[in-house]
Amino acid sequence: MAIRWLPPESRGWSVAVVVVVAVVVLVVVVVVAAVVVVAGVVVVVVVIGSVIGWRAGPRPAARRPGTRPCRPVPPGRRTAPSGR
């Protein structure tokens, strides 16, 4: 390492600082790589999901529990508002 120019009493501290900086840089690189991998996986999942959804067509909305499924109204028949 290029710390020979430092006085002998400072060399221990400089080695510690170099080690700490190296560890911090390594942690930052690992975190950035993990974020990039996760973002790539999310993009792939979204693209595949949109392609599958596009081919399968829109799904019907989920029915709330306790409600009856709505039936189509026959043509020519009007629905009266409730209470009449």
PDB file of N, CA and C in Angstrom:
ATOM      1  N   MET A   1       0.854  -1.196   0.000  1.00  0.00           N
ATOM      2  CA  MET A   1       0.000   0.000   0.000  1.00  0.00           C
ATOM      3  C   MET A   1       0.886   1.241   0.000  1.00  0.00           C
ATOM      4  N   ALA A   2       0.356   2.312  -0.531  1.00  0.00           N
ATOM      5  CA  ALA A   2       1.153   3.541  -0.677  1.00  0.00           C
ATOM      6  C   ALA A   2       0.966   4.429   0.546  1.00  0.00           C
ATOM      7  N   ILE A   3       1.388   3.925   1.709  1.00  0.00           N
ATOM      8  CA  ILE A   3       1.278   4.736   2.934  1.00  0.00           C
ATOM      9  C   ILE A   3       2.637   4.868   3.605  1.00  0.00           C
ATOM     10  N   ARG A   4       3.715   4.647   2.836  1.00  0.00           N
ATOM     11  CA  ARG A   4       5.045   4.722   3.432  1.00  0.00           C
ATOM     12  C   ARG A   4       5.428   6.143   3.790  1.00  0.00           C
ATOM     13  N   TRP A   5       4.797   7.101   3.129  1.00  0.00           N
ATOM     14  CA  TRP A   5       5.156   8.489   3.399  1.00  0.00           C
ATOM     15  C   TRP A   5       4.592   8.974   4.724  1.00  0.00           C
ATOM     16  N   LEU A   6       3.658   8.215   5.313  1.00  0.00           N
ATOM     17  CA  LEU A   6       3.082   8.631   6.590  1.00  0.00           C
ATOM     18  C   LEU A   6       4.049   8.321   7.728  1.00  0.00           C
ATOM     19  N   PRO A   7       4.001   9.078   8.783  1.00  0.00           N
ATOM     20  CA  PRO A   7       4.822   8.747   9.946  1.00  0.00           C
ATOM     21  C   PRO A   7       4.379   7.423  10.552  1.00  0.00           C
ATOM     22  N   PRO A   8       5.265   6.714  11.230  1.00  0.00           N
ATOM     23  CA  PRO A   8       4.933   5.366  11.741  1.00  0.00           C
ATOM     24  C   PRO A   8       3.719   5.339  12.658  1.00  0.00           C
ATOM     25  N   GLU A   9       3.502   6.400  13.441  1.00  0.00           N
ATOM     26  CA  GLU A   9       2.363   6.361  14.378  1.00  0.00           C
ATOM     27  C   GLU A   9       1.023   6.499  13.664  1.00  0.00           C
ATOM     28  N   SER A  10       1.003   6.957  12.398  1.00  0.00           N
ATOM     29  CA  SER A  10      -0.252   7.137  11.670  1.00  0.00           C
ATOM     30  C   SER A  10      -0.579   5.950  10.775  1.00  0.00           C
ATOM     31  N   ARG A  11       0.350   5.027  10.579  1.00  0.00           N
ATOM     32  CA  ARG A  11       0.128   3.956   9.607  1.00  0.00           C
ATOM     33  C   ARG A  11      -0.995   3.010  10.039  1.00  0.00           C
ATOM     34  N   GLY A  12      -1.127   2.740  11.313  1.00  0.00           N
ATOM     35  CA  GLY A  12      -2.211   1.867  11.767  1.00  0.00           C
ATOM     36  C   GLY A  12      -3.575   2.450  11.469  1.00  0.00           C
ATOM     37  N   TRP A  13      -3.718   3.751  11.717  1.00  0.00           N
ATOM     38  CA  TRP A  13      -4.991   4.407  11.430  1.00  0.00           C
ATOM     39  C   TRP A  13      -5.277   4.402   9.941  1.00  0.00           C
ATOM     40  N   SER A  14      -4.260   4.627   9.126  1.00  0.00           N
ATOM     41  CA  SER A  14      -4.509   4.687   7.687  1.00  0.00           C
ATOM     42  C   SER A  14      -4.909   3.312   7.156  1.00  0.00           C
ATOM     43  N   VAL A  15      -4.328   2.253   7.690  1.00  0.00           N
ATOM     44  CA  VAL A  15      -4.734   0.913   7.262  1.00  0.00           C
ATOM     45  C   VAL A  15      -6.187   0.667   7.651  1.00  0.00           C
ATOM     46  N   ALA A  16      -6.562   1.080   8.846  1.00  0.00           N
ATOM     47  CA  ALA A  16      -7.953   0.903   9.279  1.00  0.00           C
ATOM     48  C   ALA A  16      -8.896   1.692   8.384  1.00  0.00           C
ATOM     49  N   VAL A  17      -8.510   2.910   8.030  1.00  0.00           N
ATOM     50  CA  VAL A  17      -9.365   3.736   7.166  1.00  0.00           C
ATOM     51  C   VAL A  17      -9.500   3.089   5.796  1.00  0.00           C
ATOM     52  N   VAL A  18      -8.403   2.571   5.251  1.00  0.00           N
ATOM     53  CA  VAL A  18      -8.466   1.915   3.941  1.00  0.00           C
ATOM     54  C   VAL A  18      -9.376   0.688   3.999  1.00  0.00           C
ATOM     55  N   VAL A  19      -9.291  -0.083   5.075  1.00  0.00           N
ATOM     56  CA  VAL A  19     -10.142  -1.269   5.206  1.00  0.00           C
ATOM     57  C   VAL A  19     -11.605  -0.866   5.321  1.00  0.00           C
ATOM     58  N   VAL A  20     -11.902   0.153   6.123  1.00  0.00           N
ATOM     59  CA  VAL A  20     -13.290   0.604   6.282  1.00  0.00           C
ATOM     60  C   VAL A  20     -13.839   1.121   4.960  1.00  0.00           C
ATOM     61  N   VAL A  21     -13.048   1.912   4.242  1.00  0.00           N
ATOM     62  CA  VAL A  21     -13.518   2.435   2.948  1.00  0.00           C
ATOM     63  C   VAL A  21     -13.747   1.285   1.971  1.00  0.00           C
ATOM     64  N   ALA A  22     -12.860   0.289   1.966  1.00  0.00           N
ATOM     65  CA  ALA A  22     -13.041  -0.855   1.064  1.00  0.00           C
ATOM     66  C   ALA A  22     -14.317  -1.620   1.396  1.00  0.00           C
ATOM     67  N   VAL A  23     -14.588  -1.804   2.689  1.00  0.00           N
ATOM     68  CA  VAL A  23     -15.801  -2.524   3.087  1.00  0.00           C
ATOM     69  C   VAL A  23     -17.042  -1.734   2.696  1.00  0.00           C
ATOM     70  N   VAL A  24     -17.016  -0.426   2.905  1.00  0.00           N
ATOM     71  CA  VAL A  24     -18.175   0.408   2.545  1.00  0.00           C
ATOM     72  C   VAL A  24     -18.409   0.362   1.043  1.00  0.00           C
ATOM     73  N   VAL A  25     -17.346   0.468   0.260  1.00  0.00           N
ATOM     74  CA  VAL A  25     -17.506   0.410  -1.202  1.00  0.00           C
ATOM     75  C   VAL A  25     -18.063  -0.944  -1.620  1.00  0.00           C
ATOM     76  N   LEU A  26     -17.577  -2.010  -1.004  1.00  0.00           N
ATOM     77  CA  LEU A  26     -18.084  -3.345  -1.331  1.00  0.00           C
ATOM     78  C   LEU A  26     -19.570  -3.475  -0.996  1.00  0.00           C
ATOM     79  N   VAL A  27     -19.976  -2.965   0.161  1.00  0.00           N
ATOM     80  CA  VAL A  27     -21.397  -3.034   0.540  1.00  0.00           C
ATOM     81  C   VAL A  27     -22.247  -2.233  -0.435  1.00  0.00           C
ATOM     82  N   VAL A  28     -21.775  -1.051  -0.818  1.00  0.00           N
ATOM     83  CA  VAL A  28     -22.544  -0.230  -1.763  1.00  0.00           C
ATOM     84  C   VAL A  28     -22.672  -0.941  -3.104  1.00  0.00           C
ATOM     85  N   VAL A  29     -21.595  -1.556  -3.573  1.00  0.00           N
ATOM     86  CA  VAL A  29     -21.660  -2.273  -4.853  1.00  0.00           C
ATOM     87  C   VAL A  29     -22.641  -3.440  -4.770  1.00  0.00           C
ATOM     88  N   VAL A  30     -22.617  -4.174  -3.667  1.00  0.00           N
ATOM     89  CA  VAL A  30     -23.531  -5.310  -3.524  1.00  0.00           C
ATOM     90  C   VAL A  30     -24.981  -4.833  -3.468  1.00  0.00           C
ATOM     91  N   VAL A  31     -25.252  -3.747  -2.751  1.00  0.00           N
ATOM     92  CA  VAL A  31     -26.623  -3.233  -2.653  1.00  0.00           C
ATOM     93  C   VAL A  31     -27.105  -2.744  -4.022  1.00  0.00           C
ATOM     94  N   VAL A  32     -26.258  -2.030  -4.749  1.00  0.00           N
ATOM     95  CA  VAL A  32     -26.659  -1.543  -6.074  1.00  0.00           C
ATOM     96  C   VAL A  32     -26.921  -2.719  -7.016  1.00  0.00           C
ATOM     97  N   ALA A  33     -26.077  -3.736  -6.952  1.00  0.00           N
ATOM     98  CA  ALA A  33     -26.292  -4.914  -7.799  1.00  0.00           C
ATOM     99  C   ALA A  33     -27.608  -5.605  -7.444  1.00  0.00           C
ATOM    100  N   ALA A  34     -27.917  -5.696  -6.151  1.00  0.00           N
ATOM    101  CA  ALA A  34     -29.172  -6.326  -5.740  1.00  0.00           C
ATOM    102  C   ALA A  34     -30.370  -5.526  -6.236  1.00  0.00           C
ATOM    103  N   VAL A  35     -30.286  -4.202  -6.159  1.00  0.00           N
ATOM    104  CA  VAL A  35     -31.393  -3.358  -6.636  1.00  0.00           C
ATOM    105  C   VAL A  35     -31.574  -3.536  -8.137  1.00  0.00           C
ATOM    106  N   VAL A  36     -30.479  -3.603  -8.877  1.00  0.00           N
ATOM    107  CA  VAL A  36     -30.573  -3.784 -10.332  1.00  0.00           C
ATOM    108  C   VAL A  36     -31.196  -5.139 -10.656  1.00  0.00           C
ATOM    109  N   VAL A  37     -30.799  -6.186  -9.934  1.00  0.00           N
ATOM    110  CA  VAL A  37     -31.370  -7.516 -10.185  1.00  0.00           C
ATOM    111  C   VAL A  37     -32.860  -7.527  -9.873  1.00  0.00           C
ATOM    112  N   VAL A  38     -33.249  -6.937  -8.753  1.00  0.00           N
ATOM    113  CA  VAL A  38     -34.673  -6.913  -8.379  1.00  0.00           C
ATOM    114  C   VAL A  38     -35.476  -6.118  -9.405  1.00  0.00           C
ATOM    115  N   ALA A  39     -34.939  -4.992  -9.857  1.00  0.00           N
ATOM    116  CA  ALA A  39     -35.644  -4.196 -10.864  1.00  0.00           C
ATOM    117  C   ALA A  39     -35.796  -4.987 -12.158  1.00  0.00           C
ATOM    118  N   GLY A  40     -34.752  -5.707 -12.543  1.00  0.00           N
ATOM    119  CA  GLY A  40     -34.861  -6.526 -13.754  1.00  0.00           C
ATOM    120  C   GLY A  40     -35.903  -7.611 -13.627  1.00  0.00           C
ATOM    121  N   VAL A  41     -35.958  -8.264 -12.466  1.00  0.00           N
ATOM    122  CA  VAL A  41     -36.969  -9.305 -12.253  1.00  0.00           C
ATOM    123  C   VAL A  41     -38.362  -8.707 -12.299  1.00  0.00           C
ATOM    124  N   VAL A  42     -38.546  -7.541 -11.693  1.00  0.00           N
ATOM    125  CA  VAL A  42     -39.866  -6.892 -11.715  1.00  0.00           C
ATOM    126  C   VAL A  42     -40.274  -6.562 -13.147  1.00  0.00           C
ATOM    127  N   VAL A  43     -39.345  -6.038 -13.938  1.00  0.00           N
ATOM    128  CA  VAL A  43     -39.670  -5.702 -15.331  1.00  0.00           C
ATOM    129  C   VAL A  43     -40.055  -6.961 -16.102  1.00  0.00           C
ATOM    130  N   VAL A  44     -39.304  -8.044 -15.924  1.00  0.00           N
ATOM    131  CA  VAL A  44     -39.623  -9.291 -16.636  1.00  0.00           C
ATOM    132  C   VAL A  44     -40.988  -9.815 -16.223  1.00  0.00           C
ATOM    133  N   VAL A  45     -41.274  -9.791 -14.922  1.00  0.00           N
ATOM    134  CA  VAL A  45     -42.573 -10.287 -14.454  1.00  0.00           C
ATOM    135  C   VAL A  45     -43.706  -9.433 -14.998  1.00  0.00           C
ATOM    136  N   VAL A  46     -43.532  -8.115 -15.018  1.00  0.00           N
ATOM    137  CA  VAL A  46     -44.591  -7.237 -15.532  1.00  0.00           C
ATOM    138  C   VAL A  46     -44.808  -7.472 -17.023  1.00  0.00           C
ATOM    139  N   VAL A  47     -43.722  -7.619 -17.772  1.00  0.00           N
ATOM    140  CA  VAL A  47     -43.865  -7.845 -19.219  1.00  0.00           C
ATOM    141  C   VAL A  47     -44.545  -9.180 -19.486  1.00  0.00           C
ATOM    142  N   ILE A  48     -44.098 -10.229 -18.795  1.00  0.00           N
ATOM    143  CA  ILE A  48     -44.728 -11.542 -19.005  1.00  0.00           C
ATOM    144  C   ILE A  48     -46.190 -11.505 -18.576  1.00  0.00           C
ATOM    145  N   GLY A  49     -46.470 -10.862 -17.449  1.00  0.00           N
ATOM    146  CA  GLY A  49     -47.861 -10.765 -17.001  1.00  0.00           C
ATOM    147  C   GLY A  49     -48.736  -9.998 -17.961  1.00  0.00           C
ATOM    148  N   SER A  50     -48.209  -8.928 -18.546  1.00  0.00           N
ATOM    149  CA  SER A  50     -49.016  -8.160 -19.497  1.00  0.00           C
ATOM    150  C   SER A  50     -49.249  -8.963 -20.770  1.00  0.00           C
ATOM    151  N   VAL A  51     -48.245  -9.720 -21.214  1.00  0.00           N
ATOM    152  CA  VAL A  51     -48.439 -10.545 -22.416  1.00  0.00           C
ATOM    153  C   VAL A  51     -49.457 -11.641 -22.150  1.00  0.00           C
ATOM    154  N   ILE A  52     -49.341 -12.298 -21.000  1.00  0.00           N
ATOM    155  CA  ILE A  52     -50.309 -13.354 -20.674  1.00  0.00           C
ATOM    156  C   ILE A  52     -51.705 -12.758 -20.520  1.00  0.00           C
ATOM    157  N   GLY A  53     -51.801 -11.623 -19.841  1.00  0.00           N
ATOM    158  CA  GLY A  53     -53.102 -10.979 -19.682  1.00  0.00           C
ATOM    159  C   GLY A  53     -53.692 -10.534 -20.997  1.00  0.00           C
ATOM    160  N   TRP A  54     -52.837 -10.080 -21.917  1.00  0.00           N
ATOM    161  CA  TRP A  54     -53.332  -9.613 -23.207  1.00  0.00           C
ATOM    162  C   TRP A  54     -53.869 -10.780 -24.022  1.00  0.00           C
ATOM    163  N   ARG A  55     -53.200 -11.944 -23.932  1.00  0.00           N
ATOM    164  CA  ARG A  55     -53.659 -13.096 -24.708  1.00  0.00           C
ATOM    165  C   ARG A  55     -54.893 -13.737 -24.082  1.00  0.00           C
ATOM    166  N   ALA A  56     -54.969 -13.736 -22.751  1.00  0.00           N
ATOM    167  CA  ALA A  56     -56.082 -14.401 -22.090  1.00  0.00           C
ATOM    168  C   ALA A  56     -57.327 -13.523 -22.061  1.00  0.00           C
ATOM    169  N   GLY A  57     -57.167 -12.246 -22.315  1.00  0.00           N
ATOM    170  CA  GLY A  57     -58.302 -11.343 -22.247  1.00  0.00           C
ATOM    171  C   GLY A  57     -58.512 -10.836 -20.833  1.00  0.00           C
ATOM    172  N   PRO A  58     -59.342  -9.814 -20.694  1.00  0.00           N
ATOM    173  CA  PRO A  58     -59.558  -9.266 -19.341  1.00  0.00           C
ATOM    174  C   PRO A  58     -60.296 -10.257 -18.460  1.00  0.00           C
ATOM    175  N   ARG A  59     -59.897 -10.310 -17.230  1.00  0.00           N
ATOM    176  CA  ARG A  59     -60.557 -11.209 -16.290  1.00  0.00           C
ATOM    177  C   ARG A  59     -61.794 -10.528 -15.706  1.00  0.00           C
ATOM    178  N   PRO A  60     -62.816 -11.303 -15.393  1.00  0.00           N
ATOM    179  CA  PRO A  60     -63.977 -10.674 -14.738  1.00  0.00           C
ATOM    180  C   PRO A  60     -63.611 -10.208 -13.333  1.00  0.00           C
ATOM    181  N   ALA A  61     -64.275  -9.163 -12.916  1.00  0.00           N
ATOM    182  CA  ALA A  61     -63.980  -8.609 -11.592  1.00  0.00           C
ATOM    183  C   ALA A  61     -64.358  -9.617 -10.519  1.00  0.00           C
ATOM    184  N   ALA A  62     -63.579  -9.626  -9.464  1.00  0.00           N
ATOM    185  CA  ALA A  62     -63.855 -10.559  -8.372  1.00  0.00           C
ATOM    186  C   ALA A  62     -65.162 -10.173  -7.682  1.00  0.00           C
ATOM    187  N   ARG A  63     -65.981 -11.182  -7.400  1.00  0.00           N
ATOM    188  CA  ARG A  63     -67.276 -10.935  -6.769  1.00  0.00           C
ATOM    189  C   ARG A  63     -67.085 -10.757  -5.278  1.00  0.00           C
ATOM    190  N   ARG A  64     -67.738  -9.750  -4.734  1.00  0.00           N
ATOM    191  CA  ARG A  64     -67.663  -9.535  -3.291  1.00  0.00           C
ATOM    192  C   ARG A  64     -68.489 -10.599  -2.576  1.00  0.00           C
ATOM    193  N   PRO A  65     -68.019 -11.073  -1.432  1.00  0.00           N
ATOM    194  CA  PRO A  65     -68.810 -12.092  -0.720  1.00  0.00           C
ATOM    195  C   PRO A  65     -70.139 -11.518  -0.241  1.00  0.00           C
ATOM    196  N   GLY A  66     -71.176 -12.337  -0.371  1.00  0.00           N
ATOM    197  CA  GLY A  66     -72.502 -11.913   0.078  1.00  0.00           C
ATOM    198  C   GLY A  66     -73.322 -11.240  -1.003  1.00  0.00           C
ATOM    199  N   THR A  67     -72.806 -11.139  -2.212  1.00  0.00           N
ATOM    200  CA  THR A  67     -73.579 -10.522  -3.304  1.00  0.00           C
ATOM    201  C   THR A  67     -73.883 -11.589  -4.346  1.00  0.00           C
ATOM    202  N   ARG A  68     -74.991 -11.413  -5.030  1.00  0.00           N
ATOM    203  CA  ARG A  68     -75.356 -12.358  -6.079  1.00  0.00           C
ATOM    204  C   ARG A  68     -74.640 -11.960  -7.366  1.00  0.00           C
ATOM    205  N   PRO A  69     -74.273 -12.927  -8.175  1.00  0.00           N
ATOM    206  CA  PRO A  69     -73.683 -12.548  -9.468  1.00  0.00           C
ATOM    207  C   PRO A  69     -74.727 -11.864 -10.339  1.00  0.00           C
ATOM    208  N   CYS A  70     -74.346 -10.832 -11.016  1.00  0.00           N
ATOM    209  CA  CYS A  70     -75.313 -10.086 -11.807  1.00  0.00           C
ATOM    210  C   CYS A  70     -75.592 -10.852 -13.101  1.00  0.00           C
ATOM    211  N   ARG A  71     -76.889 -10.915 -13.440  1.00  0.00           N
ATOM    212  CA  ARG A  71     -77.288 -11.589 -14.675  1.00  0.00           C
ATOM    213  C   ARG A  71     -77.558 -10.535 -15.741  1.00  0.00           C
ATOM    214  N   PRO A  72     -77.273 -10.847 -16.981  1.00  0.00           N
ATOM    215  CA  PRO A  72     -77.544  -9.855 -18.027  1.00  0.00           C
ATOM    216  C   PRO A  72     -79.055  -9.632 -18.183  1.00  0.00           C
ATOM    217  N   VAL A  73     -79.424  -8.391 -18.426  1.00  0.00           N
ATOM    218  CA  VAL A  73     -80.833  -8.040 -18.594  1.00  0.00           C
ATOM    219  C   VAL A  73     -81.234  -8.388 -20.026  1.00  0.00           C
ATOM    220  N   PRO A  74     -82.350  -9.091 -20.209  1.00  0.00           N
ATOM    221  CA  PRO A  74     -82.772  -9.410 -21.578  1.00  0.00           C
ATOM    222  C   PRO A  74     -83.047  -8.130 -22.363  1.00  0.00           C
ATOM    223  N   PRO A  75     -82.795  -8.137 -23.669  1.00  0.00           N
ATOM    224  CA  PRO A  75     -83.041  -6.918 -24.449  1.00  0.00           C
ATOM    225  C   PRO A  75     -84.525  -6.574 -24.467  1.00  0.00           C
ATOM    226  N   GLY A  76     -84.820  -5.261 -24.461  1.00  0.00           N
ATOM    227  CA  GLY A  76     -86.192  -4.787 -24.472  1.00  0.00           C
ATOM    228  C   GLY A  76     -86.803  -4.696 -23.088  1.00  0.00           C
ATOM    229  N   ARG A  77     -86.074  -5.059 -22.054  1.00  0.00           N
ATOM    230  CA  ARG A  77     -86.618  -4.998 -20.696  1.00  0.00           C
ATOM    231  C   ARG A  77     -85.834  -3.963 -19.905  1.00  0.00           C
ATOM    232  N   ARG A  78     -86.541  -3.036 -19.330  1.00  0.00           N
ATOM    233  CA  ARG A  78     -85.885  -1.969 -18.571  1.00  0.00           C
ATOM    234  C   ARG A  78     -85.826  -2.341 -17.109  1.00  0.00           C
ATOM    235  N   THR A  79     -84.760  -1.908 -16.483  1.00  0.00           N
ATOM    236  CA  THR A  79     -84.646  -2.166 -15.049  1.00  0.00           C
ATOM    237  C   THR A  79     -85.209  -0.972 -14.297  1.00  0.00           C
ATOM    238  N   ALA A  80     -86.131  -1.247 -13.409  1.00  0.00           N
ATOM    239  CA  ALA A  80     -86.732  -0.177 -12.619  1.00  0.00           C
ATOM    240  C   ALA A  80     -85.845   0.103 -11.418  1.00  0.00           C
ATOM    241  N   PRO A  81     -85.760   1.358 -11.004  1.00  0.00           N
ATOM    242  CA  PRO A  81     -84.991   1.635  -9.788  1.00  0.00           C
ATOM    243  C   PRO A  81     -85.610   0.931  -8.584  1.00  0.00           C
ATOM    244  N   SER A  82     -84.790   0.576  -7.644  1.00  0.00           N
ATOM    245  CA  SER A  82     -85.294  -0.174  -6.495  1.00  0.00           C
ATOM    246  C   SER A  82     -86.241   0.705  -5.681  1.00  0.00           C
ATOM    247  N   GLY A  83     -87.276   0.076  -5.150  1.00  0.00           N
ATOM    248  CA  GLY A  83     -88.244   0.798  -4.336  1.00  0.00           C
ATOM    249  C   GLY A  83     -89.501   1.182  -5.090  1.00  0.00           C
ATOM    250  N   ARG A  84     -89.591   0.854  -6.368  1.00  0.00           N
ATOM    251  CA  ARG A  84     -90.809   1.165  -7.128  1.00  0.00           C
ATOM    252  C   ARG A  84     -91.671  -0.051  -7.292  1.00  0.00           C
TER     253      ARG A  84
END
